[in-house]
């Protein structure tokens, strides 16, 4: 694991530093932007694929309609998308101040 050895919260600390610290290094900010971009791309691919799969074989996604898996689609995905856009807006505003 290398840079994570003995530090399970290091990625979160790096992200927090990029978000909250106005003097955060550019590497941490680039890491956060890359992480957000990959997450948004993941959702942009996964959501249409899930719709296609559901249309072709509804039984294959039936488990997602009952708890606890229903929390992924009704709470987890929307919260993650909102989080990405809130972080992006915060970073955008932070760049305007610099």
C-alpha atoms as a PDB file:
ATOM      1  CA  UNK A   1       0.000   0.000   0.000  1.00  0.00           C
ATOM      2  CA  UNK A   2       2.981   2.308   0.292  1.00  0.00           C
ATOM      3  CA  UNK A   3       1.875   5.843   1.130  1.00  0.00           C
ATOM      4  CA  UNK A   4      -1.153   4.517   3.059  1.00  0.00           C
ATOM      5  CA  UNK A   5       0.888   2.314   5.426  1.00  0.00           C
ATOM      6  CA  UNK A   6      -0.159   3.098   8.985  1.00  0.00           C
ATOM      7  CA  UNK A   7      -2.305   6.044   7.887  1.00  0.00           C
ATOM      8  CA  UNK A   8      -5.821   4.881   6.975  1.00  0.00           C
ATOM      9  CA  UNK A   9      -7.162   8.449   6.938  1.00  0.00           C
ATOM     10  CA  UNK A  10      -4.436   9.997   4.800  1.00  0.00           C
ATOM     11  CA  UNK A  11      -6.591  10.276   1.629  1.00  0.00           C
ATOM     12  CA  UNK A  12      -9.349  11.980   3.613  1.00  0.00           C
ATOM     13  CA  UNK A  13      -6.829  14.283   5.219  1.00  0.00           C
ATOM     14  CA  UNK A  14      -5.428  15.182   1.817  1.00  0.00           C
ATOM     15  CA  UNK A  15      -8.906  15.960   0.499  1.00  0.00           C
ATOM     16  CA  UNK A  16      -9.765  17.940   3.605  1.00  0.00           C
ATOM     17  CA  UNK A  17      -6.578  19.929   3.187  1.00  0.00           C
ATOM     18  CA  UNK A  18      -7.398  20.711  -0.412  1.00  0.00           C
ATOM     19  CA  UNK A  19     -10.898  21.829   0.507  1.00  0.00           C
ATOM     20  CA  UNK A  20     -10.473  23.721   3.752  1.00  0.00           C
ATOM     21  CA  UNK A  21      -6.958  25.101   3.620  1.00  0.00           C
ATOM     22  CA  UNK A  22      -6.643  28.166   1.428  1.00  0.00           C
ATOM     23  CA  UNK A  23      -2.893  27.496   1.212  1.00  0.00           C
ATOM     24  CA  UNK A  24      -3.235  23.823   0.278  1.00  0.00           C
ATOM     25  CA  UNK A  25      -0.697  22.604  -2.214  1.00  0.00           C
ATOM     26  CA  UNK A  26      -1.738  22.194  -5.811  1.00  0.00           C
ATOM     27  CA  UNK A  27      -1.031  18.474  -5.770  1.00  0.00           C
ATOM     28  CA  UNK A  28      -3.762  17.893  -3.169  1.00  0.00           C
ATOM     29  CA  UNK A  29      -6.173  20.051  -5.141  1.00  0.00           C
ATOM     30  CA  UNK A  30      -5.398  18.189  -8.372  1.00  0.00           C
ATOM     31  CA  UNK A  31      -5.901  14.878  -6.561  1.00  0.00           C
ATOM     32  CA  UNK A  32      -9.310  16.003  -5.353  1.00  0.00           C
ATOM     33  CA  UNK A  33     -10.352  17.236  -8.804  1.00  0.00           C
ATOM     34  CA  UNK A  34      -9.198  13.961 -10.380  1.00  0.00           C
ATOM     35  CA  UNK A  35     -11.134  11.971  -7.761  1.00  0.00           C
ATOM     36  CA  UNK A  36     -14.258  14.051  -8.407  1.00  0.00           C
ATOM     37  CA  UNK A  37     -13.897  13.692 -12.189  1.00  0.00           C
ATOM     38  CA  UNK A  38     -13.581   9.911 -11.935  1.00  0.00           C
ATOM     39  CA  UNK A  39     -16.630   9.772  -9.684  1.00  0.00           C
ATOM     40  CA  UNK A  40     -18.748  11.873 -12.032  1.00  0.00           C
ATOM     41  CA  UNK A  41     -17.616   9.795 -15.029  1.00  0.00           C
ATOM     42  CA  UNK A  42     -18.496   6.649 -13.085  1.00  0.00           C
ATOM     43  CA  UNK A  43     -22.013   7.925 -12.446  1.00  0.00           C
ATOM     44  CA  UNK A  44     -22.379   9.151 -16.035  1.00  0.00           C
ATOM     45  CA  UNK A  45     -21.662   5.597 -17.224  1.00  0.00           C
ATOM     46  CA  UNK A  46     -23.346   3.584 -14.456  1.00  0.00           C
ATOM     47  CA  UNK A  47     -26.715   5.340 -14.396  1.00  0.00           C
ATOM     48  CA  UNK A  48     -27.548   4.853 -18.110  1.00  0.00           C
ATOM     49  CA  UNK A  49     -26.221   1.273 -17.983  1.00  0.00           C
ATOM     50  CA  UNK A  50     -28.459   0.519 -15.009  1.00  0.00           C
ATOM     51  CA  UNK A  51     -31.453   1.936 -16.900  1.00  0.00           C
ATOM     52  CA  UNK A  52     -30.633  -0.214 -19.933  1.00  0.00           C
ATOM     53  CA  UNK A  53     -30.230  -3.344 -17.804  1.00  0.00           C
ATOM     54  CA  UNK A  54     -33.451  -2.632 -15.932  1.00  0.00           C
ATOM     55  CA  UNK A  55     -35.352  -2.215 -19.206  1.00  0.00           C
ATOM     56  CA  UNK A  56     -33.985  -5.441 -20.654  1.00  0.00           C
ATOM     57  CA  UNK A  57     -34.148  -7.636 -17.522  1.00  0.00           C
ATOM     58  CA  UNK A  58     -36.104  -6.156 -14.572  1.00  0.00           C
ATOM     59  CA  UNK A  59     -35.514  -9.245 -12.430  1.00  0.00           C
ATOM     60  CA  UNK A  60     -31.761  -8.606 -12.451  1.00  0.00           C
ATOM     61  CA  UNK A  61     -32.153  -5.379 -10.479  1.00  0.00           C
ATOM     62  CA  UNK A  62     -35.117  -6.405  -8.336  1.00  0.00           C
ATOM     63  CA  UNK A  63     -32.887  -6.652  -5.260  1.00  0.00           C
ATOM     64  CA  UNK A  64     -32.271  -2.887  -5.481  1.00  0.00           C
ATOM     65  CA  UNK A  65     -35.936  -2.189  -4.714  1.00  0.00           C
ATOM     66  CA  UNK A  66     -35.817  -3.526  -1.140  1.00  0.00           C
ATOM     67  CA  UNK A  67     -33.797  -2.329   1.845  1.00  0.00           C
ATOM     68  CA  UNK A  68     -30.890  -2.210   2.473  1.00  0.00           C
ATOM     69  CA  UNK A  69     -29.831  -2.109  -1.194  1.00  0.00           C
ATOM     70  CA  UNK A  70     -32.538   0.421  -2.032  1.00  0.00           C
ATOM     71  CA  UNK A  71     -30.578   2.963   0.031  1.00  0.00           C
ATOM     72  CA  UNK A  72     -27.856   2.949  -2.632  1.00  0.00           C
ATOM     73  CA  UNK A  73     -30.142   4.267  -5.354  1.00  0.00           C
ATOM     74  CA  UNK A  74     -32.404   6.469  -3.239  1.00  0.00           C
ATOM     75  CA  UNK A  75     -29.843   8.036  -0.923  1.00  0.00           C
ATOM     76  CA  UNK A  76     -26.227   7.120  -1.689  1.00  0.00           C
ATOM     77  CA  UNK A  77     -26.032   8.057  -5.365  1.00  0.00           C
ATOM     78  CA  UNK A  78     -27.863  11.409  -5.032  1.00  0.00           C
ATOM     79  CA  UNK A  79     -25.773  12.366  -1.983  1.00  0.00           C
ATOM     80  CA  UNK A  80     -22.544  11.504  -3.776  1.00  0.00           C
ATOM     81  CA  UNK A  81     -23.513  13.534  -6.851  1.00  0.00           C
ATOM     82  CA  UNK A  82     -24.503  16.520  -4.703  1.00  0.00           C
ATOM     83  CA  UNK A  83     -21.254  16.198  -2.782  1.00  0.00           C
ATOM     84  CA  UNK A  84     -19.194  16.288  -5.966  1.00  0.00           C
ATOM     85  CA  UNK A  85     -20.926  19.434  -7.170  1.00  0.00           C
ATOM     86  CA  UNK A  86     -20.712  21.154  -3.781  1.00  0.00           C
ATOM     87  CA  UNK A  87     -16.985  20.376  -3.567  1.00  0.00           C
ATOM     88  CA  UNK A  88     -16.526  21.574  -7.139  1.00  0.00           C
ATOM     89  CA  UNK A  89     -18.326  24.839  -6.401  1.00  0.00           C
ATOM     90  CA  UNK A  90     -16.236  25.346  -3.275  1.00  0.00           C
ATOM     91  CA  UNK A  91     -13.015  24.755  -5.198  1.00  0.00           C
ATOM     92  CA  UNK A  92     -14.182  27.091  -7.978  1.00  0.00           C
ATOM     93  CA  UNK A  93     -14.953  29.843  -5.463  1.00  0.00           C
ATOM     94  CA  UNK A  94     -11.647  29.242  -3.675  1.00  0.00           C
ATOM     95  CA  UNK A  95      -9.742  29.683  -6.960  1.00  0.00           C
ATOM     96  CA  UNK A  96     -11.518  32.994  -7.532  1.00  0.00           C
ATOM     97  CA  UNK A  97     -10.117  34.313  -4.253  1.00  0.00           C
ATOM     98  CA  UNK A  98      -6.545  33.274  -5.014  1.00  0.00           C
END
